[in-house]
C-alpha atoms as a PDB file:
ATOM      1  CA  MET A   1       0.000   0.000   0.000  1.00  0.00           C
ATOM      2  CA  ARG A   2       1.275   3.442  -0.944  1.00  0.00           C
ATOM      3  CA  ILE A   3       0.452   6.504   1.159  1.00  0.00           C
ATOM      4  CA  THR A   4       1.344   9.998   0.019  1.00  0.00           C
ATOM      5  CA  PHE A   5       1.524  12.848   2.518  1.00  0.00           C
ATOM      6  CA  ILE A   6       1.147  16.304   1.007  1.00  0.00           C
ATOM      7  CA  GLY A   7       2.707  18.452   3.703  1.00  0.00           C
ATOM      8  CA  GLY A   8       5.312  17.314   6.203  1.00  0.00           C
ATOM      9  CA  GLY A   9       4.247  19.161   9.348  1.00  0.00           C
ATOM     10  CA  ASN A  10       3.794  17.832  12.879  1.00  0.00           C
ATOM     11  CA  MET A  11       0.769  15.659  12.181  1.00  0.00           C
ATOM     12  CA  ALA A  12       2.244  14.110   9.057  1.00  0.00           C
ATOM     13  CA  ALA A  13       5.452  13.473  10.980  1.00  0.00           C
ATOM     14  CA  ALA A  14       3.524  11.779  13.786  1.00  0.00           C
ATOM     15  CA  LEU A  15       1.636   9.528  11.368  1.00  0.00           C
ATOM     16  CA  ILE A  16       4.762   8.651   9.410  1.00  0.00           C
ATOM     17  CA  ALA A  17       6.712   7.814  12.571  1.00  0.00           C
ATOM     18  CA  GLY A  18       3.871   5.713  13.939  1.00  0.00           C
ATOM     19  CA  LEU A  19       3.341   3.826  10.698  1.00  0.00           C
ATOM     20  CA  HIS A  20       7.056   3.188  10.360  1.00  0.00           C
ATOM     21  CA  GLN A  21       7.199   1.821  13.911  1.00  0.00           C
ATOM     22  CA  GLN A  22       4.367  -0.588  13.128  1.00  0.00           C
ATOM     23  CA  GLY A  23       6.627  -2.141  10.507  1.00  0.00           C
ATOM     24  CA  HIS A  24       4.166  -3.055   7.735  1.00  0.00           C
ATOM     25  CA  PRO A  25       6.338  -4.805   5.108  1.00  0.00           C
ATOM     26  CA  ASP A  26       4.223  -3.700   2.129  1.00  0.00           C
ATOM     27  CA  LEU A  27       3.873  -0.069   3.193  1.00  0.00           C
ATOM     28  CA  GLN A  28       5.334   2.630   0.925  1.00  0.00           C
ATOM     29  CA  LEU A  29       5.461   6.159   2.314  1.00  0.00           C
ATOM     30  CA  HIS A  30       5.920   9.247   0.163  1.00  0.00           C
ATOM     31  CA  VAL A  31       6.161  12.865   1.346  1.00  0.00           C
ATOM     32  CA  VAL A  32       5.664  16.061  -0.626  1.00  0.00           C
ATOM     33  CA  ASP A  33       7.040  19.150   1.092  1.00  0.00           C
ATOM     34  CA  ARG A  34       8.927  22.244  -0.045  1.00  0.00           C
ATOM     35  CA  ASN A  35      11.453  21.877   2.768  1.00  0.00           C
ATOM     36  CA  GLU A  36      14.193  19.627   1.373  1.00  0.00           C
ATOM     37  CA  ASP A  37      15.907  19.117   4.744  1.00  0.00           C
ATOM     38  CA  LYS A  38      12.638  17.906   6.234  1.00  0.00           C
ATOM     39  CA  CYS A  39      12.099  15.517   3.323  1.00  0.00           C
ATOM     40  CA  ARG A  40      15.590  14.096   3.701  1.00  0.00           C
ATOM     41  CA  ARG A  41      14.956  13.442   7.402  1.00  0.00           C
ATOM     42  CA  PHE A  42      11.805  11.493   6.530  1.00  0.00           C
ATOM     43  CA  ALA A  43      13.848   9.449   4.073  1.00  0.00           C
ATOM     44  CA  GLU A  44      16.685   8.770   6.521  1.00  0.00           C
ATOM     45  CA  GLN A  45      14.551   8.033   9.565  1.00  0.00           C
ATOM     46  CA  HIS A  46      11.541   6.301   8.036  1.00  0.00           C
ATOM     47  CA  GLY A  47      12.548   5.209   4.529  1.00  0.00           C
ATOM     48  CA  ALA A  48      10.076   7.531   2.824  1.00  0.00           C
ATOM     49  CA  SER A  49      10.486   8.684  -0.747  1.00  0.00           C
ATOM     50  CA  TRP A  50       9.928  12.384  -1.325  1.00  0.00           C
ATOM     51  CA  SER A  51       9.440  15.255  -3.732  1.00  0.00           C
ATOM     52  CA  LEU A  52       9.456  19.022  -3.320  1.00  0.00           C
ATOM     53  CA  ASN A  53       6.418  19.828  -5.472  1.00  0.00           C
ATOM     54  CA  VAL A  54       3.203  17.911  -5.923  1.00  0.00           C
ATOM     55  CA  SER A  55       2.766  16.181  -9.291  1.00  0.00           C
ATOM     56  CA  GLU A  56       0.464  13.622 -10.872  1.00  0.00           C
ATOM     57  CA  ALA A  57       2.915  10.852  -9.947  1.00  0.00           C
ATOM     58  CA  ASP A  58       2.541  11.714  -6.264  1.00  0.00           C
ATOM     59  CA  LEU A  59      -1.198  11.058  -6.505  1.00  0.00           C
ATOM     60  CA  GLN A  60      -0.637   7.496  -7.705  1.00  0.00           C
ATOM     61  CA  ALA A  61      -1.326   6.182  -4.213  1.00  0.00           C
ATOM     62  CA  ASP A  62      -3.985   4.237  -2.331  1.00  0.00           C
ATOM     63  CA  VAL A  63      -4.282   6.981   0.270  1.00  0.00           C
ATOM     64  CA  VAL A  64      -3.411  10.674   0.019  1.00  0.00           C
ATOM     65  CA  VAL A  65      -3.159  12.614   3.282  1.00  0.00           C
ATOM     66  CA  LEU A  66      -3.703  16.351   2.864  1.00  0.00           C
ATOM     67  CA  ALA A  67      -1.645  17.763   5.722  1.00  0.00           C
ATOM     68  CA  ILE A  68      -1.118  21.400   4.785  1.00  0.00           C
ATOM     69  CA  LYS A  69      -2.388  24.555   6.472  1.00  0.00           C
ATOM     70  CA  PRO A  70      -6.110  25.239   5.926  1.00  0.00           C
ATOM     71  CA  GLN A  71      -5.379  28.528   4.135  1.00  0.00           C
ATOM     72  CA  GLY A  72      -3.646  26.662   1.309  1.00  0.00           C
ATOM     73  CA  MET A  73      -6.176  23.884   0.837  1.00  0.00           C
ATOM     74  CA  ALA A  74      -8.303  25.519  -1.871  1.00  0.00           C
ATOM     75  CA  ALA A  75      -5.287  26.110  -4.115  1.00  0.00           C
ATOM     76  CA  LEU A  76      -4.006  22.569  -3.528  1.00  0.00           C
ATOM     77  CA  ALA A  77      -7.439  21.119  -4.316  1.00  0.00           C
ATOM     78  CA  GLU A  78      -7.521  22.954  -7.649  1.00  0.00           C
ATOM     79  CA  GLN A  79      -4.051  21.622  -8.455  1.00  0.00           C
ATOM     80  CA  ILE A  80      -4.694  17.955  -7.708  1.00  0.00           C
ATOM     81  CA  ARG A  81      -8.281  17.782  -8.982  1.00  0.00           C
ATOM     82  CA  PRO A  82      -7.357  16.496 -12.478  1.00  0.00           C
ATOM     83  CA  TRP A  83      -5.289  13.644 -10.997  1.00  0.00           C
ATOM     84  CA  LEU A  84      -7.987  12.053  -8.846  1.00  0.00           C
ATOM     85  CA  HIS A  85      -9.549   8.688  -9.685  1.00  0.00           C
ATOM     86  CA  GLN A  86     -10.474   6.540  -6.641  1.00  0.00           C
ATOM     87  CA  GLN A  87      -7.789   7.416  -4.082  1.00  0.00           C
ATOM     88  CA  LEU A  88      -8.959   7.840  -0.518  1.00  0.00           C
ATOM     89  CA  LEU A  89      -8.252  11.434   0.516  1.00  0.00           C
ATOM     90  CA  ILE A  90      -7.749  12.160   4.205  1.00  0.00           C
ATOM     91  CA  SER A  91      -7.710  15.803   5.266  1.00  0.00           C
ATOM     92  CA  VAL A  92      -6.263  16.854   8.623  1.00  0.00           C
ATOM     93  CA  ALA A  93      -6.888  20.558   7.974  1.00  0.00           C
ATOM     94  CA  ALA A  94      -8.796  22.233  10.795  1.00  0.00           C
ATOM     95  CA  GLY A  95     -12.094  23.896   9.960  1.00  0.00           C
ATOM     96  CA  ILE A  96     -12.554  22.712   6.360  1.00  0.00           C
ATOM     97  CA  ARG A  97     -15.625  20.530   5.989  1.00  0.00           C
ATOM     98  CA  THR A  98     -15.744  17.680   3.524  1.00  0.00           C
ATOM     99  CA  SER A  99     -18.583  19.358   1.639  1.00  0.00           C
ATOM    100  CA  THR A 100     -16.378  22.401   1.040  1.00  0.00           C
ATOM    101  CA  LEU A 101     -13.337  20.334   0.106  1.00  0.00           C
ATOM    102  CA  SER A 102     -15.452  18.150  -2.177  1.00  0.00           C
ATOM    103  CA  GLN A 103     -16.668  21.245  -3.994  1.00  0.00           C
ATOM    104  CA  TRP A 104     -13.093  22.478  -4.478  1.00  0.00           C
ATOM    105  CA  LEU A 105     -12.172  19.040  -5.838  1.00  0.00           C
ATOM    106  CA  GLY A 106     -14.941  18.981  -8.448  1.00  0.00           C
ATOM    107  CA  ASP A 107     -17.441  16.992  -6.332  1.00  0.00           C
ATOM    108  CA  TYR A 108     -14.932  14.289  -5.416  1.00  0.00           C
ATOM    109  CA  ARG A 109     -16.497  12.183  -2.659  1.00  0.00           C
ATOM    110  CA  GLN A 110     -13.859   9.727  -1.409  1.00  0.00           C
ATOM    111  CA  LEU A 111     -13.115  12.065   1.475  1.00  0.00           C
ATOM    112  CA  VAL A 112     -12.409  11.630   5.170  1.00  0.00           C
ATOM    113  CA  TRP A 113     -11.828  14.485   7.610  1.00  0.00           C
ATOM    114  CA  VAL A 114      -9.621  13.754  10.607  1.00  0.00           C
ATOM    115  CA  MET A 115      -9.161  16.052  13.585  1.00  0.00           C
ATOM    116  CA  PRO A 116      -6.198  14.763  15.622  1.00  0.00           C
ATOM    117  CA  ASN A 117      -4.673  16.335  18.713  1.00  0.00           C
ATOM    118  CA  THR A 118      -1.092  17.039  19.704  1.00  0.00           C
ATOM    119  CA  PRO A 119      -0.477  13.894  21.822  1.00  0.00           C
ATOM    120  CA  ALA A 120      -0.542  12.069  18.471  1.00  0.00           C
ATOM    121  CA  GLN A 121       3.085  13.205  18.249  1.00  0.00           C
ATOM    122  CA  ILE A 122       3.913  10.579  20.895  1.00  0.00           C
ATOM    123  CA  GLN A 123       1.344   8.023  19.666  1.00  0.00           C
ATOM    124  CA  ARG A 124      -1.060   8.905  22.510  1.00  0.00           C
ATOM    125  CA  GLY A 125      -3.552  11.013  20.573  1.00  0.00           C
ATOM    126  CA  VAL A 126      -7.282  10.782  20.004  1.00  0.00           C
ATOM    127  CA  SER A 127      -8.620  11.655  16.549  1.00  0.00           C
ATOM    128  CA  GLY A 128     -12.139  12.610  15.582  1.00  0.00           C
ATOM    129  CA  VAL A 129     -13.106  11.193  12.186  1.00  0.00           C
ATOM    130  CA  TYR A 130     -15.907  11.925   9.729  1.00  0.00           C
ATOM    131  CA  ALA A 131     -16.324  10.201   6.361  1.00  0.00           C
ATOM    132  CA  MET A 132     -18.543  11.208   3.468  1.00  0.00           C
ATOM    133  CA  PRO A 133     -21.305   8.647   2.789  1.00  0.00           C
ATOM    134  CA  GLU A 134     -19.547   7.381  -0.348  1.00  0.00           C
ATOM    135  CA  VAL A 135     -16.549   6.136   1.653  1.00  0.00           C
ATOM    136  CA  GLN A 136     -16.785   2.344   1.851  1.00  0.00           C
ATOM    137  CA  GLN A 137     -16.534   0.256   5.016  1.00  0.00           C
ATOM    138  CA  ALA A 138     -13.211  -1.197   3.872  1.00  0.00           C
ATOM    139  CA  GLN A 139     -11.851   2.343   3.554  1.00  0.00           C
ATOM    140  CA  ARG A 140     -13.133   3.214   7.028  1.00  0.00           C
ATOM    141  CA  THR A 141     -11.322   0.177   8.378  1.00  0.00           C
ATOM    142  CA  LEU A 142      -8.181   1.347   6.607  1.00  0.00           C
ATOM    143  CA  VAL A 143      -8.497   4.764   8.260  1.00  0.00           C
ATOM    144  CA  ASP A 144      -8.770   3.076  11.660  1.00  0.00           C
ATOM    145  CA  GLN A 145      -5.630   1.075  10.931  1.00  0.00           C
ATOM    146  CA  LEU A 146      -3.701   4.179   9.876  1.00  0.00           C
ATOM    147  CA  LEU A 147      -4.786   6.275  12.840  1.00  0.00           C
ATOM    148  CA  ALA A 148      -3.981   3.459  15.253  1.00  0.00           C
ATOM    149  CA  ALA A 149      -0.373   4.490  14.578  1.00  0.00           C
ATOM    150  CA  VAL A 150      -0.957   7.671  16.596  1.00  0.00           C
ATOM    151  CA  GLY A 151      -3.622   6.693  19.144  1.00  0.00           C
ATOM    152  CA  THR A 152      -7.354   6.048  19.172  1.00  0.00           C
ATOM    153  CA  THR A 153     -10.253   7.212  17.004  1.00  0.00           C
ATOM    154  CA  VAL A 154     -13.771   8.504  17.602  1.00  0.00           C
ATOM    155  CA  TRP A 155     -16.082   8.322  14.570  1.00  0.00           C
ATOM    156  CA  LEU A 156     -18.728  11.005  14.108  1.00  0.00           C
ATOM    157  CA  ASP A 157     -21.971  10.527  12.168  1.00  0.00           C
ATOM    158  CA  ASP A 158     -22.601  14.269  11.974  1.00  0.00           C
ATOM    159  CA  GLU A 159     -19.784  16.409  10.571  1.00  0.00           C
ATOM    160  CA  ASN A 160     -21.032  19.422  12.510  1.00  0.00           C
ATOM    161  CA  ARG A 161     -19.984  17.621  15.701  1.00  0.00           C
ATOM    162  CA  MET A 162     -16.372  18.116  14.632  1.00  0.00           C
ATOM    163  CA  ASP A 163     -16.465  21.643  16.070  1.00  0.00           C
ATOM    164  CA  ALA A 164     -17.477  20.274  19.467  1.00  0.00           C
ATOM    165  CA  LEU A 165     -14.809  17.584  19.277  1.00  0.00           C
ATOM    166  CA  THR A 166     -12.219  20.238  18.439  1.00  0.00           C
ATOM    167  CA  ALA A 167     -13.232  22.162  21.556  1.00  0.00           C
ATOM    168  CA  ILE A 168     -12.732  19.056  23.719  1.00  0.00           C
ATOM    169  CA  SER A 169      -9.879  16.885  22.430  1.00  0.00           C
ATOM    170  CA  GLY A 170      -8.294  19.322  19.990  1.00  0.00           C
ATOM    171  CA  CYS A 171      -8.012  22.142  22.521  1.00  0.00           C
ATOM    172  CA  GLY A 172      -7.982  19.858  25.559  1.00  0.00           C
ATOM    173  CA  PRO A 173      -4.203  19.427  25.825  1.00  0.00           C
ATOM    174  CA  ALA A 174      -3.837  23.202  26.129  1.00  0.00           C
ATOM    175  CA  TYR A 175      -6.396  23.228  28.952  1.00  0.00           C
ATOM    176  CA  VAL A 176      -4.360  20.557  30.755  1.00  0.00           C
ATOM    177  CA  PHE A 177      -1.114  22.479  30.225  1.00  0.00           C
ATOM    178  CA  LEU A 178      -2.780  25.571  31.678  1.00  0.00           C
ATOM    179  CA  MET A 179      -3.864  23.601  34.745  1.00  0.00           C
ATOM    180  CA  VAL A 180      -0.308  22.313  35.205  1.00  0.00           C
ATOM    181  CA  GLU A 181       0.944  25.895  34.921  1.00  0.00           C
ATOM    182  CA  ALA A 182      -1.576  27.011  37.543  1.00  0.00           C
ATOM    183  CA  LEU A 183      -0.655  24.230  39.980  1.00  0.00           C
ATOM    184  CA  ALA A 184       3.046  24.976  39.513  1.00  0.00           C
ATOM    185  CA  GLU A 185       2.403  28.677  40.196  1.00  0.00           C
ATOM    186  CA  ALA A 186       0.505  27.737  43.352  1.00  0.00           C
ATOM    187  CA  ALA A 187       3.503  25.637  44.441  1.00  0.00           C
ATOM    188  CA  ARG A 188       5.847  28.581  43.887  1.00  0.00           C
ATOM    189  CA  LYS A 189       3.609  30.797  46.024  1.00  0.00           C
ATOM    190  CA  LEU A 190       3.852  28.168  48.771  1.00  0.00           C
ATOM    191  CA  GLY A 191       7.628  28.532  48.716  1.00  0.00           C
ATOM    192  CA  PHE A 192       8.872  25.861  46.308  1.00  0.00           C
ATOM    193  CA  SER A 193      11.620  26.615  43.818  1.00  0.00           C
ATOM    194  CA  ASP A 194      10.751  26.911  40.123  1.00  0.00           C
ATOM    195  CA  ALA A 195      12.285  23.508  39.395  1.00  0.00           C
ATOM    196  CA  ASP A 196      10.528  21.739  42.264  1.00  0.00           C
ATOM    197  CA  ALA A 197       7.215  23.472  41.520  1.00  0.00           C
ATOM    198  CA  SER A 198       7.325  22.371  37.889  1.00  0.00           C
ATOM    199  CA  GLN A 199       8.216  18.803  38.841  1.00  0.00           C
ATOM    200  CA  LEU A 200       5.541  18.567  41.524  1.00  0.00           C
ATOM    201  CA  ALA A 201       2.821  19.862  39.203  1.00  0.00           C
ATOM    202  CA  GLY A 202       3.863  17.940  36.103  1.00  0.00           C
ATOM    203  CA  ARG A 203       4.427  14.618  37.850  1.00  0.00           C
ATOM    204  CA  THR A 204       1.168  14.955  39.757  1.00  0.00           C
ATOM    205  CA  PHE A 205      -0.827  15.323  36.543  1.00  0.00           C
ATOM    206  CA  GLU A 206       1.162  12.574  34.840  1.00  0.00           C
ATOM    207  CA  GLY A 207       0.616  10.152  37.706  1.00  0.00           C
ATOM    208  CA  ALA A 208      -3.064  10.986  38.112  1.00  0.00           C
ATOM    209  CA  ILE A 209      -3.785  10.394  34.404  1.00  0.00           C
ATOM    210  CA  ALA A 210      -1.809   7.138  34.478  1.00  0.00           C
ATOM    211  CA  LEU A 211      -3.800   6.005  37.528  1.00  0.00           C
ATOM    212  CA  LEU A 212      -7.060   6.895  35.779  1.00  0.00           C
ATOM    213  CA  ALA A 213      -6.073   4.829  32.744  1.00  0.00           C
ATOM    214  CA  HIS A 214      -4.763   1.907  34.794  1.00  0.00           C
ATOM    215  CA  SER A 215      -7.613   1.666  37.310  1.00  0.00           C
ATOM    216  CA  GLY A 216     -10.490   1.490  34.847  1.00  0.00           C
ATOM    217  CA  GLU A 217     -12.535   3.640  37.231  1.00  0.00           C
ATOM    218  CA  ASP A 218     -14.243   6.880  36.332  1.00  0.00           C
ATOM    219  CA  PRO A 219     -12.667  10.185  37.456  1.00  0.00           C
ATOM    220  CA  ALA A 220     -15.444  10.976  39.941  1.00  0.00           C
ATOM    221  CA  SER A 221     -14.889   7.694  41.795  1.00  0.00           C
ATOM    222  CA  LEU A 222     -11.133   8.257  42.018  1.00  0.00           C
ATOM    223  CA  ARG A 223     -11.652  11.828  43.198  1.00  0.00           C
ATOM    224  CA  GLN A 224     -13.998  10.658  45.935  1.00  0.00           C
ATOM    225  CA  LYS A 225     -11.486   8.022  47.088  1.00  0.00           C
ATOM    226  CA  VAL A 226      -8.776  10.620  47.614  1.00  0.00           C
ATOM    227  CA  THR A 227     -11.126  13.183  49.199  1.00  0.00           C
ATOM    228  CA  SER A 228     -11.560  12.274  52.852  1.00  0.00           C
ATOM    229  CA  LYS A 229     -14.468  13.833  54.712  1.00  0.00           C
ATOM    230  CA  LYS A 230     -13.296  17.018  56.479  1.00  0.00           C
ATOM    231  CA  GLY A 231      -9.770  16.332  55.226  1.00  0.00           C
ATOM    232  CA  VAL A 232      -7.174  18.466  53.456  1.00  0.00           C
ATOM    233  CA  THR A 233      -8.156  17.542  49.891  1.00  0.00           C
ATOM    234  CA  GLU A 234     -11.804  18.275  50.578  1.00  0.00           C
ATOM    235  CA  GLN A 235     -10.992  21.901  51.343  1.00  0.00           C
ATOM    236  CA  GLY A 236      -9.232  22.323  48.021  1.00  0.00           C
ATOM    237  CA  ILE A 237     -12.063  20.627  46.125  1.00  0.00           C
ATOM    238  CA  LEU A 238     -14.708  22.704  47.864  1.00  0.00           C
ATOM    239  CA  SER A 239     -12.827  25.869  46.907  1.00  0.00           C
ATOM    240  CA  LEU A 240     -12.635  24.813  43.243  1.00  0.00           C
ATOM    241  CA  GLN A 241     -16.330  23.923  43.201  1.00  0.00           C
ATOM    242  CA  ALA A 242     -17.310  27.171  44.890  1.00  0.00           C
ATOM    243  CA  ASP A 243     -15.403  29.086  42.236  1.00  0.00           C
ATOM    244  CA  GLY A 244     -17.353  27.200  39.547  1.00  0.00           C
ATOM    245  CA  LEU A 245     -14.598  25.108  37.971  1.00  0.00           C
ATOM    246  CA  ALA A 246     -17.046  22.940  36.011  1.00  0.00           C
ATOM    247  CA  GLU A 247     -18.851  26.001  34.664  1.00  0.00           C
ATOM    248  CA  ILE A 248     -15.534  27.661  33.757  1.00  0.00           C
ATOM    249  CA  VAL A 249     -14.493  24.626  31.716  1.00  0.00           C
ATOM    250  CA  CYS A 250     -17.899  24.433  30.011  1.00  0.00           C
ATOM    251  CA  ARG A 251     -17.734  28.107  29.043  1.00  0.00           C
ATOM    252  CA  ALA A 252     -14.220  27.603  27.668  1.00  0.00           C
ATOM    253  CA  THR A 253     -15.306  24.711  25.450  1.00  0.00           C
ATOM    254  CA  GLU A 254     -18.380  26.619  24.261  1.00  0.00           C
ATOM    255  CA  ARG A 255     -16.216  29.565  23.212  1.00  0.00           C
ATOM    256  CA  ALA A 256     -13.737  27.253  21.500  1.00  0.00           C
ATOM    257  CA  GLN A 257     -16.549  25.497  19.641  1.00  0.00           C
ATOM    258  CA  ALA A 258     -18.002  28.816  18.486  1.00  0.00           C
ATOM    259  CA  ARG A 259     -14.599  29.910  17.208  1.00  0.00           C
ATOM    260  CA  SER A 260     -14.182  26.617  15.345  1.00  0.00           C
ATOM    261  CA  VAL A 261     -17.515  27.184  13.589  1.00  0.00           C
ATOM    262  CA  GLU A 262     -16.536  30.763  12.782  1.00  0.00           C
ATOM    263  CA  MET A 263     -13.137  29.794  11.387  1.00  0.00           C
ATOM    264  CA  GLY A 264     -14.675  27.083   9.190  1.00  0.00           C
ATOM    265  CA  ALA A 265     -17.099  29.608   7.713  1.00  0.00           C
ATOM    266  CA  LEU A 266     -14.315  32.151   7.140  1.00  0.00           C
ATOM    267  CA  LEU A 267     -12.113  29.608   5.382  1.00  0.00           C
ATOM    268  CA  SER A 268     -14.936  28.573   3.087  1.00  0.00           C
ATOM    269  CA  GLN A 269     -15.953  32.166   2.296  1.00  0.00           C
ATOM    270  CA  GLY A 270     -12.348  33.238   1.761  1.00  0.00           C
ATOM    271  CA  ALA A 271     -11.759  30.536  -0.824  1.00  0.00           C
ATOM    272  CA  GLN A 272     -14.989  31.371  -2.634  1.00  0.00           C
ATOM    273  CA  ALA A 273     -14.289  35.121  -2.722  1.00  0.00           C
END
């Protein structure tokens, strides 16, 4: 199977590294990117062939992953449109719906939209996936197999849900990083050095998430186990609840979702203008 990546950014790099680690003997990887040094690294580290500019030969693949910035997708679609036959196209461009991309590609329908998140760079990501109705079950299975190289997948029946997914898993790592920052700052205010504060906060989050994954229990149950009645933890939890932590997080995701919708509309209108 031949997979061509148009664009060699972080997400393409994560997929390529993950696929290479899986060691499929019949897998051929090809990268198209204007950065020659980046292409050479893909060749040296993962055995990928490469080219600096997209051509018809690059589209002779079973799967083509469109991994460029959203602002360049309309121009790329116009360029590759004459070279499409029955390749499965996977877009990882934020905000661009399959209906819009299909229109740019001359009503091409073998399209899947994937919204990964940054932990995919260490094969611990979660990707939201939407496929146009014309995508066959065998192709869906293939998408699952490819994305298993970088984590897990969540399939969506309604493409409009991709904005909500973006607000949760796409933006979620940044929310976690902010919480780690806040806990580290609290540690510094309690007298810890910068180094110790960072280690205490980071390792605490790392260990808690590992425990959550290992235990198989839900977060509420684990929180209750560590929160003794009238104990130290309870006071911290009560303070967070009184300040409306749950409502703060909900408002953040609602604003992120609204921005995702807005950006998708702007990208579509900009390309049509």
